[in-house]
Amino acid sequence: MSGVAVFEDTDFPIAYGEEMLARVLALHSGAEDLPDYGKWIHDHMGGRVVAFRNRLLPQIRAFTDLHGLDILDFGCGTGSTTVVLAESAESARITAVDIDPGSLEIARLRFDHHGVASRITTFHITPIHGTGDLDLQSESFDFILLNGVLEHVVPFRARARVLLEIWRVLRPGGLLFISETPNLLWPIDRHTTGLPFIPWLPSRVAYLAAVACRRHNRGADLDVRGRRGMTYWEIVGPLKSAGSVEVLNIIKTGNLLFPAGMGAGDTASFKRKLGTFILERILGQLLTSLGVPVVAVGPFIEYLCLRKQRTADQFQEINGVILRHLRKNGESVL
């Protein structure tokens, strides 16, 4: 069926216009028969902006107010998260990057519509294979957002390299905020197909099962669509190898699934409330004693906030600067 014949711009939360709708439909061309097609179009035509304002932003603000920061939205997609960041921190300097040129074109239209384009730098990136592949200076950002990104990185072994490259451009004391990445500990694919065991199966078997169940188009790459997430340990492991990592979910916000509580208008089912209670109230104390955030065992790695600690050499350099300043001004160093 033709997506153009089904949708009108007035059907969506934000009236972005016909050009935006045409580009969003083109981005999802070939997926018209998949169960979530209508939801994807709705999300990109404003649904995700509204959701991020209500749900994602309060969780970020539990850790930082974003004002005056250098911010990187890595894997910005069609720019919904970037708009929300720009709206909430007018003094911030924002860079948005993505691997898909079509998504970036939609993002630029979105930025223009919301009047934030002048404060956002966008550019296309290529796959990361090693240190320096990301054309950004080391230690140049205070806050980096990865929202629904890591599950799309293929091959799977490249994910550690991507994390290390992102960590390289984060300043000491800066925050890496990861959300919406499916937790590989859970057997149900809640992200892509809705089918059980898809995240745990070999790629070829998962592909055949998803096609047979009409949850994936033949010939398309199921791994790229995000059927296999990551565990918390797969995320922090490479970062710890590069230096010290602080998990702010444990030391700042009480180790909760929702650091700032549930967002406005976020209604939870009894099942979700029960799961949250079990994870936070029953398992939370044990996990905290083990130094593990509750989000590590939830269905998604959501609202995970990691702070990059300074190295011993950096502390010595800072102390040296302070001592030189004191001596220059004739002040006591004791």
C-alpha atoms as a PDB file:
ATOM      1  CA  MET A   1       0.000   0.000   0.000  1.00  0.00           C
ATOM      2  CA  SER A   2       1.089   3.557  -0.505  1.00  0.00           C
ATOM      3  CA  GLY A   3       2.120   5.441   2.629  1.00  0.00           C
ATOM      4  CA  VAL A   4       1.370   8.765   0.907  1.00  0.00           C
ATOM      5  CA  ALA A   5      -2.278   7.745   0.417  1.00  0.00           C
ATOM      6  CA  VAL A   6      -2.701   6.801   4.080  1.00  0.00           C
ATOM      7  CA  PHE A   7      -1.214   9.706   6.029  1.00  0.00           C
ATOM      8  CA  GLU A   8      -1.965  13.410   6.193  1.00  0.00           C
ATOM      9  CA  ASP A   9       0.185  15.925   8.053  1.00  0.00           C
ATOM     10  CA  THR A  10      -2.763  16.710  10.342  1.00  0.00           C
ATOM     11  CA  ASP A  11      -2.662  13.124  11.678  1.00  0.00           C
ATOM     12  CA  PHE A  12       0.470  13.777  13.739  1.00  0.00           C
ATOM     13  CA  PRO A  13       1.403  15.437  17.060  1.00  0.00           C
ATOM     14  CA  ILE A  14       3.427  18.187  15.353  1.00  0.00           C
ATOM     15  CA  ALA A  15       2.485  19.707  11.964  1.00  0.00           C
ATOM     16  CA  TYR A  16       5.897  19.575  10.286  1.00  0.00           C
ATOM     17  CA  GLY A  17       4.557  19.880   6.756  1.00  0.00           C
ATOM     18  CA  GLU A  18       4.417  17.840   3.575  1.00  0.00           C
ATOM     19  CA  GLU A  19       8.152  17.844   2.804  1.00  0.00           C
ATOM     20  CA  MET A  20       8.956  16.337   6.194  1.00  0.00           C
ATOM     21  CA  LEU A  21       6.218  13.722   5.815  1.00  0.00           C
ATOM     22  CA  ALA A  22       7.459  12.769   2.347  1.00  0.00           C
ATOM     23  CA  ARG A  23      11.016  12.287   3.650  1.00  0.00           C
ATOM     24  CA  VAL A  24       9.841  10.233   6.633  1.00  0.00           C
ATOM     25  CA  LEU A  25       7.765   8.002   4.358  1.00  0.00           C
ATOM     26  CA  ALA A  26      10.772   7.580   2.035  1.00  0.00           C
ATOM     27  CA  LEU A  27      12.959   6.654   5.019  1.00  0.00           C
ATOM     28  CA  HIS A  28      10.578   3.785   5.822  1.00  0.00           C
ATOM     29  CA  SER A  29       9.881   2.760   2.240  1.00  0.00           C
ATOM     30  CA  GLY A  30       9.443  -1.001   1.972  1.00  0.00           C
ATOM     31  CA  ALA A  31       8.320  -1.404   5.574  1.00  0.00           C
ATOM     32  CA  GLU A  32       4.636  -0.611   4.938  1.00  0.00           C
ATOM     33  CA  ASP A  33       3.479  -4.155   5.697  1.00  0.00           C
ATOM     34  CA  LEU A  34       5.294  -4.491   9.029  1.00  0.00           C
ATOM     35  CA  PRO A  35       3.127  -4.283  12.179  1.00  0.00           C
ATOM     36  CA  ASP A  36       4.749  -1.144  13.605  1.00  0.00           C
ATOM     37  CA  TYR A  37       4.890   0.900  10.394  1.00  0.00           C
ATOM     38  CA  GLY A  38       2.208   3.373  11.446  1.00  0.00           C
ATOM     39  CA  LYS A  39       3.827   3.860  14.852  1.00  0.00           C
ATOM     40  CA  TRP A  40       7.225   4.597  13.263  1.00  0.00           C
ATOM     41  CA  ILE A  41       5.730   7.307  11.048  1.00  0.00           C
ATOM     42  CA  HIS A  42       3.852   8.809  13.991  1.00  0.00           C
ATOM     43  CA  ASP A  43       7.031   8.794  16.113  1.00  0.00           C
ATOM     44  CA  HIS A  44       9.097  10.609  13.515  1.00  0.00           C
ATOM     45  CA  MET A  45       6.331  13.139  12.884  1.00  0.00           C
ATOM     46  CA  GLY A  46       6.444  14.454  16.428  1.00  0.00           C
ATOM     47  CA  GLY A  47       5.563  11.525  18.658  1.00  0.00           C
ATOM     48  CA  ARG A  48       9.111  11.056  19.860  1.00  0.00           C
ATOM     49  CA  VAL A  49       9.644  14.764  20.498  1.00  0.00           C
ATOM     50  CA  VAL A  50       6.592  14.799  22.778  1.00  0.00           C
ATOM     51  CA  ALA A  51       7.674  11.585  24.498  1.00  0.00           C
ATOM     52  CA  PHE A  52      11.246  12.788  25.050  1.00  0.00           C
ATOM     53  CA  ARG A  53      10.018  16.060  26.556  1.00  0.00           C
ATOM     54  CA  ASN A  54       7.897  14.150  29.061  1.00  0.00           C
ATOM     55  CA  ARG A  55      10.081  11.120  29.801  1.00  0.00           C
ATOM     56  CA  LEU A  56      13.709  11.424  28.741  1.00  0.00           C
ATOM     57  CA  LEU A  57      14.425  15.048  29.665  1.00  0.00           C
ATOM     58  CA  PRO A  58      13.392  14.778  33.359  1.00  0.00           C
ATOM     59  CA  GLN A  59      15.691  11.765  33.751  1.00  0.00           C
ATOM     60  CA  ILE A  60      18.625  13.694  32.252  1.00  0.00           C
ATOM     61  CA  ARG A  61      17.913  16.625  34.549  1.00  0.00           C
ATOM     62  CA  ALA A  62      18.262  14.341  37.544  1.00  0.00           C
ATOM     63  CA  PHE A  63      21.998  14.442  36.742  1.00  0.00           C
ATOM     64  CA  THR A  64      22.605  17.808  35.028  1.00  0.00           C
ATOM     65  CA  ASP A  65      20.725  20.933  33.940  1.00  0.00           C
ATOM     66  CA  LEU A  66      22.672  20.962  30.618  1.00  0.00           C
ATOM     67  CA  HIS A  67      23.139  24.747  30.681  1.00  0.00           C
ATOM     68  CA  GLY A  68      26.351  26.084  29.158  1.00  0.00           C
ATOM     69  CA  LEU A  69      27.584  22.612  28.207  1.00  0.00           C
ATOM     70  CA  ASP A  70      29.132  21.292  25.015  1.00  0.00           C
ATOM     71  CA  ILE A  71      26.696  18.526  24.078  1.00  0.00           C
ATOM     72  CA  LEU A  72      27.028  15.696  21.560  1.00  0.00           C
ATOM     73  CA  ASP A  73      23.930  13.824  20.391  1.00  0.00           C
ATOM     74  CA  PHE A  74      25.642  10.762  18.939  1.00  0.00           C
ATOM     75  CA  GLY A  75      23.381   8.830  16.585  1.00  0.00           C
ATOM     76  CA  CYS A  76      20.818  11.626  16.558  1.00  0.00           C
ATOM     77  CA  GLY A  77      18.703   9.943  13.888  1.00  0.00           C
ATOM     78  CA  THR A  78      15.947  12.292  12.715  1.00  0.00           C
ATOM     79  CA  GLY A  79      16.736  14.771  15.479  1.00  0.00           C
ATOM     80  CA  SER A  80      13.947  14.323  18.024  1.00  0.00           C
ATOM     81  CA  THR A  81      16.298  14.076  21.001  1.00  0.00           C
ATOM     82  CA  THR A  82      18.424  16.946  19.676  1.00  0.00           C
ATOM     83  CA  VAL A  83      15.429  19.290  19.559  1.00  0.00           C
ATOM     84  CA  VAL A  84      14.524  18.480  23.156  1.00  0.00           C
ATOM     85  CA  LEU A  85      18.110  19.094  24.287  1.00  0.00           C
ATOM     86  CA  ALA A  86      18.206  22.423  22.433  1.00  0.00           C
ATOM     87  CA  GLU A  87      14.862  23.542  23.867  1.00  0.00           C
ATOM     88  CA  SER A  88      15.941  22.774  27.426  1.00  0.00           C
ATOM     89  CA  ALA A  89      19.402  24.367  27.385  1.00  0.00           C
ATOM     90  CA  GLU A  90      19.493  27.542  25.318  1.00  0.00           C
ATOM     91  CA  SER A  91      23.070  28.333  26.343  1.00  0.00           C
ATOM     92  CA  ALA A  92      24.410  24.915  25.351  1.00  0.00           C
ATOM     93  CA  ARG A  93      26.472  24.258  22.242  1.00  0.00           C
ATOM     94  CA  ILE A  94      25.082  21.168  20.506  1.00  0.00           C
ATOM     95  CA  THR A  95      26.571  18.841  17.894  1.00  0.00           C
ATOM     96  CA  ALA A  96      24.385  16.161  16.296  1.00  0.00           C
ATOM     97  CA  VAL A  97      25.877  13.345  14.227  1.00  0.00           C
ATOM     98  CA  ASP A  98      24.511  10.274  12.498  1.00  0.00           C
ATOM     99  CA  ILE A  99      25.591   7.618  10.038  1.00  0.00           C
ATOM    100  CA  ASP A 100      22.453   7.916   7.864  1.00  0.00           C
ATOM    101  CA  PRO A 101      22.293  10.939   5.500  1.00  0.00           C
ATOM    102  CA  GLY A 102      18.518  10.585   5.018  1.00  0.00           C
ATOM    103  CA  SER A 103      17.903  10.815   8.755  1.00  0.00           C
ATOM    104  CA  LEU A 104      20.103  13.907   8.983  1.00  0.00           C
ATOM    105  CA  GLU A 105      18.102  15.646   6.254  1.00  0.00           C
ATOM    106  CA  ILE A 106      14.933  15.060   8.269  1.00  0.00           C
ATOM    107  CA  ALA A 107      16.724  16.262  11.399  1.00  0.00           C
ATOM    108  CA  ARG A 108      17.641  19.560   9.720  1.00  0.00           C
ATOM    109  CA  LEU A 109      14.020  20.122   8.687  1.00  0.00           C
ATOM    110  CA  ARG A 110      13.001  19.449  12.280  1.00  0.00           C
ATOM    111  CA  PHE A 111      15.561  21.899  13.651  1.00  0.00           C
ATOM    112  CA  ASP A 112      14.297  24.601  11.278  1.00  0.00           C
ATOM    113  CA  HIS A 113      10.692  23.990  12.313  1.00  0.00           C
ATOM    114  CA  HIS A 114      11.521  24.354  16.017  1.00  0.00           C
ATOM    115  CA  GLY A 115      13.761  27.387  15.479  1.00  0.00           C
ATOM    116  CA  VAL A 116      16.903  25.805  16.917  1.00  0.00           C
ATOM    117  CA  ALA A 117      18.940  25.188  13.751  1.00  0.00           C
ATOM    118  CA  SER A 118      21.335  28.063  14.405  1.00  0.00           C
ATOM    119  CA  ARG A 119      22.491  26.450  17.660  1.00  0.00           C
ATOM    120  CA  ILE A 120      23.065  22.945  16.323  1.00  0.00           C
ATOM    121  CA  THR A 121      26.005  21.708  14.261  1.00  0.00           C
ATOM    122  CA  THR A 122      25.195  18.576  12.256  1.00  0.00           C
ATOM    123  CA  PHE A 123      27.395  16.312  10.202  1.00  0.00           C
ATOM    124  CA  HIS A 124      27.472  12.843   8.730  1.00  0.00           C
ATOM    125  CA  ILE A 125      29.829  10.244  10.198  1.00  0.00           C
ATOM    126  CA  THR A 126      31.186   6.990   8.791  1.00  0.00           C
ATOM    127  CA  PRO A 127      31.594   3.650  10.605  1.00  0.00           C
ATOM    128  CA  ILE A 128      34.087   3.743  13.463  1.00  0.00           C
ATOM    129  CA  HIS A 129      36.959   1.263  13.232  1.00  0.00           C
ATOM    130  CA  GLY A 130      39.436   2.744  15.693  1.00  0.00           C
ATOM    131  CA  THR A 131      40.741   5.706  17.653  1.00  0.00           C
ATOM    132  CA  GLY A 132      40.384   8.995  15.834  1.00  0.00           C
ATOM    133  CA  ASP A 133      37.786   7.822  13.315  1.00  0.00           C
ATOM    134  CA  LEU A 134      35.285  10.229  14.842  1.00  0.00           C
ATOM    135  CA  ASP A 135      36.312  13.614  13.449  1.00  0.00           C
ATOM    136  CA  LEU A 136      36.062  15.399  16.791  1.00  0.00           C
ATOM    137  CA  GLN A 137      38.736  16.623  19.182  1.00  0.00           C
ATOM    138  CA  SER A 138      39.535  14.587  22.276  1.00  0.00           C
ATOM    139  CA  GLU A 139      37.878  15.767  25.487  1.00  0.00           C
ATOM    140  CA  SER A 140      35.664  18.287  23.692  1.00  0.00           C
ATOM    141  CA  PHE A 141      32.208  17.506  25.168  1.00  0.00           C
ATOM    142  CA  ASP A 142      30.677  17.766  28.640  1.00  0.00           C
ATOM    143  CA  PHE A 143      27.594  15.647  27.921  1.00  0.00           C
ATOM    144  CA  ILE A 144      27.101  12.900  25.336  1.00  0.00           C
ATOM    145  CA  LEU A 145      23.734  11.281  24.652  1.00  0.00           C
ATOM    146  CA  LEU A 146      23.317   7.830  23.110  1.00  0.00           C
ATOM    147  CA  ASN A 147      19.586   7.256  22.840  1.00  0.00           C
ATOM    148  CA  GLY A 148      18.637   4.064  21.025  1.00  0.00           C
ATOM    149  CA  VAL A 149      22.026   3.798  19.333  1.00  0.00           C
ATOM    150  CA  LEU A 150      24.188   0.900  20.473  1.00  0.00           C
ATOM    151  CA  GLU A 151      21.761  -1.836  19.387  1.00  0.00           C
ATOM    152  CA  HIS A 152      22.126  -0.655  15.777  1.00  0.00           C
ATOM    153  CA  VAL A 153      25.930  -0.870  15.682  1.00  0.00           C
ATOM    154  CA  VAL A 154      27.159  -3.772  13.552  1.00  0.00           C
ATOM    155  CA  PRO A 155      29.180  -5.902  13.503  1.00  0.00           C
ATOM    156  CA  PHE A 156      28.572  -6.532  17.207  1.00  0.00           C
ATOM    157  CA  ARG A 157      32.289  -6.614  17.963  1.00  0.00           C
ATOM    158  CA  ALA A 158      32.540  -2.987  16.802  1.00  0.00           C
ATOM    159  CA  ARG A 159      30.462  -1.729  19.714  1.00  0.00           C
ATOM    160  CA  ALA A 160      33.390  -1.632  22.128  1.00  0.00           C
ATOM    161  CA  ARG A 161      35.365   0.472  19.629  1.00  0.00           C
ATOM    162  CA  VAL A 162      32.452   2.869  19.246  1.00  0.00           C
ATOM    163  CA  LEU A 163      32.140   3.272  23.012  1.00  0.00           C
ATOM    164  CA  LEU A 164      35.854   3.918  23.409  1.00  0.00           C
ATOM    165  CA  GLU A 165      35.827   6.529  20.647  1.00  0.00           C
ATOM    166  CA  ILE A 166      32.875   8.296  22.273  1.00  0.00           C
ATOM    167  CA  TRP A 167      34.673   8.130  25.627  1.00  0.00           C
ATOM    168  CA  ARG A 168      37.710   9.741  23.977  1.00  0.00           C
ATOM    169  CA  VAL A 169      35.785  12.894  23.055  1.00  0.00           C
ATOM    170  CA  LEU A 170      34.184  13.201  26.520  1.00  0.00           C
ATOM    171  CA  ARG A 171      35.920  15.567  28.931  1.00  0.00           C
ATOM    172  CA  PRO A 172      37.060  14.354  32.367  1.00  0.00           C
ATOM    173  CA  GLY A 173      34.120  14.972  34.661  1.00  0.00           C
ATOM    174  CA  GLY A 174      31.749  14.774  31.684  1.00  0.00           C
ATOM    175  CA  LEU A 175      28.651  12.579  31.486  1.00  0.00           C
ATOM    176  CA  LEU A 176      27.748   9.784  29.078  1.00  0.00           C
ATOM    177  CA  PHE A 177      23.983   9.159  29.125  1.00  0.00           C
ATOM    178  CA  ILE A 178      22.725   5.916  27.541  1.00  0.00           C
ATOM    179  CA  SER A 179      19.065   5.063  27.052  1.00  0.00           C
ATOM    180  CA  GLU A 180      16.663   2.860  25.063  1.00  0.00           C
ATOM    181  CA  THR A 181      19.181   0.096  24.381  1.00  0.00           C
ATOM    182  CA  PRO A 182      17.588  -3.351  24.819  1.00  0.00           C
ATOM    183  CA  ASN A 183      19.115  -5.397  27.621  1.00  0.00           C
ATOM    184  CA  LEU A 184      20.591  -8.603  26.197  1.00  0.00           C
ATOM    185  CA  LEU A 185      19.860 -10.389  29.483  1.00  0.00           C
ATOM    186  CA  TRP A 186      16.178 -10.444  28.485  1.00  0.00           C
ATOM    187  CA  PRO A 187      15.128 -13.101  25.930  1.00  0.00           C
ATOM    188  CA  ILE A 188      12.256 -11.189  24.305  1.00  0.00           C
ATOM    189  CA  ASP A 189      13.033  -8.771  21.474  1.00  0.00           C
ATOM    190  CA  ARG A 190      11.062  -5.748  22.687  1.00  0.00           C
ATOM    191  CA  HIS A 191      12.786  -3.411  20.236  1.00  0.00           C
ATOM    192  CA  THR A 192      12.451  -4.828  16.730  1.00  0.00           C
ATOM    193  CA  THR A 193      10.219  -7.882  16.273  1.00  0.00           C
ATOM    194  CA  GLY A 194       8.429  -8.540  19.564  1.00  0.00           C
ATOM    195  CA  LEU A 195       9.455 -12.206  19.293  1.00  0.00           C
ATOM    196  CA  PRO A 196      11.025 -14.396  22.005  1.00  0.00           C
ATOM    197  CA  PHE A 197      14.666 -15.489  21.862  1.00  0.00           C
ATOM    198  CA  ILE A 198      15.484 -13.306  18.818  1.00  0.00           C
ATOM    199  CA  PRO A 199      18.231 -11.438  20.734  1.00  0.00           C
ATOM    200  CA  TRP A 200      19.930 -14.705  21.714  1.00  0.00           C
ATOM    201  CA  LEU A 201      19.830 -16.518  18.366  1.00  0.00           C
ATOM    202  CA  PRO A 202      22.596 -16.515  15.735  1.00  0.00           C
ATOM    203  CA  SER A 203      22.010 -13.799  13.154  1.00  0.00           C
ATOM    204  CA  ARG A 204      20.925 -16.120  10.337  1.00  0.00           C
ATOM    205  CA  VAL A 205      18.487 -18.075  12.526  1.00  0.00           C
ATOM    206  CA  ALA A 206      17.035 -14.873  13.988  1.00  0.00           C
ATOM    207  CA  TYR A 207      16.570 -13.454  10.492  1.00  0.00           C
ATOM    208  CA  LEU A 208      14.748 -16.548   9.203  1.00  0.00           C
ATOM    209  CA  ALA A 209      12.478 -16.650  12.265  1.00  0.00           C
ATOM    210  CA  ALA A 210      11.580 -12.969  11.979  1.00  0.00           C
ATOM    211  CA  VAL A 211      10.823 -13.261   8.251  1.00  0.00           C
ATOM    212  CA  ALA A 212       8.722 -16.387   8.830  1.00  0.00           C
ATOM    213  CA  CYS A 213       6.687 -14.537  11.481  1.00  0.00           C
ATOM    214  CA  ARG A 214       6.259 -11.514   9.173  1.00  0.00           C
ATOM    215  CA  ARG A 215       8.092  -9.220  11.571  1.00  0.00           C
ATOM    216  CA  HIS A 216      10.940  -8.480   9.167  1.00  0.00           C
ATOM    217  CA  ASN A 217      11.302  -7.972   5.423  1.00  0.00           C
ATOM    218  CA  ARG A 218      13.240 -10.502   3.424  1.00  0.00           C
ATOM    219  CA  GLY A 219      16.605  -9.122   2.315  1.00  0.00           C
ATOM    220  CA  ALA A 220      16.831  -6.443   5.011  1.00  0.00           C
ATOM    221  CA  ASP A 221      19.473  -6.606   7.764  1.00  0.00           C
ATOM    222  CA  LEU A 222      17.825  -7.581  11.050  1.00  0.00           C
ATOM    223  CA  ASP A 223      21.001  -6.907  13.038  1.00  0.00           C
ATOM    224  CA  VAL A 224      21.106  -3.294  11.806  1.00  0.00           C
ATOM    225  CA  ARG A 225      17.481  -2.844  12.853  1.00  0.00           C
ATOM    226  CA  GLY A 226      18.554  -3.480  16.434  1.00  0.00           C
ATOM    227  CA  ARG A 227      17.365  -6.957  17.382  1.00  0.00           C
ATOM    228  CA  ARG A 228      20.378  -7.570  19.668  1.00  0.00           C
ATOM    229  CA  GLY A 229      21.021  -5.135  22.480  1.00  0.00           C
ATOM    230  CA  MET A 230      23.830  -5.095  25.037  1.00  0.00           C
ATOM    231  CA  THR A 231      24.316  -5.867  28.698  1.00  0.00           C
ATOM    232  CA  TYR A 232      25.404  -3.258  31.215  1.00  0.00           C
ATOM    233  CA  TRP A 233      28.719  -5.090  31.591  1.00  0.00           C
ATOM    234  CA  GLU A 234      29.354  -5.008  27.829  1.00  0.00           C
ATOM    235  CA  ILE A 235      28.951  -1.235  28.006  1.00  0.00           C
ATOM    236  CA  VAL A 236      31.054  -0.383  31.053  1.00  0.00           C
ATOM    237  CA  GLY A 237      33.737  -3.018  30.475  1.00  0.00           C
ATOM    238  CA  PRO A 238      35.523  -1.217  27.612  1.00  0.00           C
ATOM    239  CA  LEU A 239      35.168   2.140  29.386  1.00  0.00           C
ATOM    240  CA  LYS A 240      36.734   0.838  32.599  1.00  0.00           C
ATOM    241  CA  SER A 241      39.657  -0.455  30.561  1.00  0.00           C
ATOM    242  CA  ALA A 242      40.243   3.151  29.453  1.00  0.00           C
ATOM    243  CA  GLY A 243      40.064   4.672  32.951  1.00  0.00           C
ATOM    244  CA  SER A 244      37.864   5.119  35.973  1.00  0.00           C
ATOM    245  CA  VAL A 245      34.070   5.256  35.549  1.00  0.00           C
ATOM    246  CA  GLU A 246      31.541   6.536  38.072  1.00  0.00           C
ATOM    247  CA  VAL A 247      27.981   5.188  37.838  1.00  0.00           C
ATOM    248  CA  LEU A 248      25.913   8.167  38.940  1.00  0.00           C
ATOM    249  CA  ASN A 249      22.715   6.116  39.124  1.00  0.00           C
ATOM    250  CA  ILE A 250      24.148   4.535  42.267  1.00  0.00           C
ATOM    251  CA  ILE A 251      25.931   7.440  43.917  1.00  0.00           C
ATOM    252  CA  LYS A 252      23.607  10.329  43.042  1.00  0.00           C
ATOM    253  CA  THR A 253      19.990   9.240  42.465  1.00  0.00           C
ATOM    254  CA  GLY A 254      19.403   6.311  44.826  1.00  0.00           C
ATOM    255  CA  ASN A 255      19.761   3.505  42.254  1.00  0.00           C
ATOM    256  CA  LEU A 256      16.259   3.712  40.766  1.00  0.00           C
ATOM    257  CA  LEU A 257      14.924   2.618  37.384  1.00  0.00           C
ATOM    258  CA  PHE A 258      13.600   6.166  36.936  1.00  0.00           C
ATOM    259  CA  PRO A 259      16.101   8.550  38.583  1.00  0.00           C
ATOM    260  CA  ALA A 260      13.610  11.440  38.485  1.00  0.00           C
ATOM    261  CA  GLY A 261      10.478   9.343  38.894  1.00  0.00           C
ATOM    262  CA  MET A 262       8.089   8.586  36.038  1.00  0.00           C
ATOM    263  CA  GLY A 263       7.559  11.403  33.569  1.00  0.00           C
ATOM    264  CA  ALA A 264       4.420  13.493  33.262  1.00  0.00           C
ATOM    265  CA  GLY A 265       1.553  11.537  31.766  1.00  0.00           C
ATOM    266  CA  ASP A 266       3.526   8.283  31.896  1.00  0.00           C
ATOM    267  CA  THR A 267       0.915   5.770  33.006  1.00  0.00           C
ATOM    268  CA  ALA A 268       2.316   2.417  34.121  1.00  0.00           C
ATOM    269  CA  SER A 269       0.516  -0.901  33.990  1.00  0.00           C
ATOM    270  CA  PHE A 270       0.228  -3.090  37.092  1.00  0.00           C
ATOM    271  CA  LYS A 271       2.826  -5.415  35.559  1.00  0.00           C
ATOM    272  CA  ARG A 272       5.271  -2.551  35.088  1.00  0.00           C
ATOM    273  CA  LYS A 273       4.652  -1.204  38.586  1.00  0.00           C
ATOM    274  CA  LEU A 274       5.227  -4.664  40.051  1.00  0.00           C
ATOM    275  CA  GLY A 275       8.444  -5.116  38.083  1.00  0.00           C
ATOM    276  CA  THR A 276       9.704  -1.710  39.180  1.00  0.00           C
ATOM    277  CA  PHE A 277       8.899  -2.497  42.824  1.00  0.00           C
ATOM    278  CA  ILE A 278      10.750  -5.822  42.687  1.00  0.00           C
ATOM    279  CA  LEU A 279      13.829  -4.353  41.026  1.00  0.00           C
ATOM    280  CA  GLU A 280      14.049  -1.203  43.154  1.00  0.00           C
ATOM    281  CA  ARG A 281      12.776  -2.289  46.564  1.00  0.00           C
ATOM    282  CA  ILE A 282      13.697  -5.971  46.723  1.00  0.00           C
ATOM    283  CA  LEU A 283      16.801  -6.294  44.543  1.00  0.00           C
ATOM    284  CA  GLY A 284      17.955  -2.674  44.734  1.00  0.00           C
ATOM    285  CA  GLN A 285      19.839  -2.923  48.031  1.00  0.00           C
ATOM    286  CA  LEU A 286      21.651  -6.089  46.950  1.00  0.00           C
ATOM    287  CA  LEU A 287      22.582  -4.589  43.581  1.00  0.00           C
ATOM    288  CA  THR A 288      23.809  -1.382  45.228  1.00  0.00           C
ATOM    289  CA  SER A 289      26.038  -3.384  47.582  1.00  0.00           C
ATOM    290  CA  LEU A 290      27.516  -5.077  44.509  1.00  0.00           C
ATOM    291  CA  GLY A 291      28.055  -1.734  42.760  1.00  0.00           C
ATOM    292  CA  VAL A 292      25.501  -2.550  40.067  1.00  0.00           C
ATOM    293  CA  PRO A 293      22.770  -0.118  38.964  1.00  0.00           C
ATOM    294  CA  VAL A 294      19.192  -1.387  38.856  1.00  0.00           C
ATOM    295  CA  VAL A 295      19.018  -0.487  35.156  1.00  0.00           C
ATOM    296  CA  ALA A 296      21.517  -3.300  34.533  1.00  0.00           C
ATOM    297  CA  VAL A 297      18.790  -5.900  35.059  1.00  0.00           C
ATOM    298  CA  GLY A 298      15.790  -4.105  33.546  1.00  0.00           C
ATOM    299  CA  PRO A 299      14.431  -4.906  30.061  1.00  0.00           C
ATOM    300  CA  PHE A 300      16.233  -1.868  28.618  1.00  0.00           C
ATOM    301  CA  ILE A 301      19.447  -0.087  29.522  1.00  0.00           C
ATOM    302  CA  GLU A 302      17.697   3.207  30.219  1.00  0.00           C
ATOM    303  CA  TYR A 303      18.770   6.423  31.913  1.00  0.00           C
ATOM    304  CA  LEU A 304      22.262   5.072  32.598  1.00  0.00           C
ATOM    305  CA  CYS A 305      24.551   7.980  33.490  1.00  0.00           C
ATOM    306  CA  LEU A 306      28.314   7.427  33.579  1.00  0.00           C
ATOM    307  CA  ARG A 307      30.846  10.057  34.636  1.00  0.00           C
ATOM    308  CA  LYS A 308      34.371  10.034  33.265  1.00  0.00           C
ATOM    309  CA  GLN A 309      36.784  10.472  36.142  1.00  0.00           C
ATOM    310  CA  ARG A 310      40.037  12.341  35.874  1.00  0.00           C
ATOM    311  CA  THR A 311      43.245  10.325  35.803  1.00  0.00           C
ATOM    312  CA  ALA A 312      45.978  10.680  38.433  1.00  0.00           C
ATOM    313  CA  ASP A 313      48.114  12.587  35.915  1.00  0.00           C
ATOM    314  CA  GLN A 314      45.285  15.033  35.277  1.00  0.00           C
ATOM    315  CA  PHE A 315      44.838  15.623  39.013  1.00  0.00           C
ATOM    316  CA  GLN A 316      48.572  16.309  39.331  1.00  0.00           C
ATOM    317  CA  GLU A 317      48.394  18.751  36.435  1.00  0.00           C
ATOM    318  CA  ILE A 318      45.457  20.584  38.054  1.00  0.00           C
ATOM    319  CA  ASN A 319      47.259  20.720  41.380  1.00  0.00           C
ATOM    320  CA  GLY A 320      50.322  22.127  39.607  1.00  0.00           C
ATOM    321  CA  VAL A 321      48.260  24.898  38.027  1.00  0.00           C
ATOM    322  CA  ILE A 322      46.730  25.779  41.403  1.00  0.00           C
ATOM    323  CA  LEU A 323      50.133  25.853  43.118  1.00  0.00           C
ATOM    324  CA  ARG A 324      51.630  28.066  40.415  1.00  0.00           C
ATOM    325  CA  HIS A 325      48.702  30.440  40.717  1.00  0.00           C
ATOM    326  CA  LEU A 326      49.060  30.659  44.505  1.00  0.00           C
ATOM    327  CA  ARG A 327      52.815  31.283  44.338  1.00  0.00           C
ATOM    328  CA  LYS A 328      52.401  33.916  41.631  1.00  0.00           C
ATOM    329  CA  ASN A 329      49.970  35.806  43.868  1.00  0.00           C
ATOM    330  CA  GLY A 330      52.119  35.404  46.972  1.00  0.00           C
ATOM    331  CA  GLU A 331      49.575  33.210  48.736  1.00  0.00           C
ATOM    332  CA  SER A 332      50.342  30.348  51.099  1.00  0.00           C
ATOM    333  CA  VAL A 333      50.371  26.873  49.619  1.00  0.00           C
ATOM    334  CA  LEU A 334      49.755  25.185  52.971  1.00  0.00           C
END
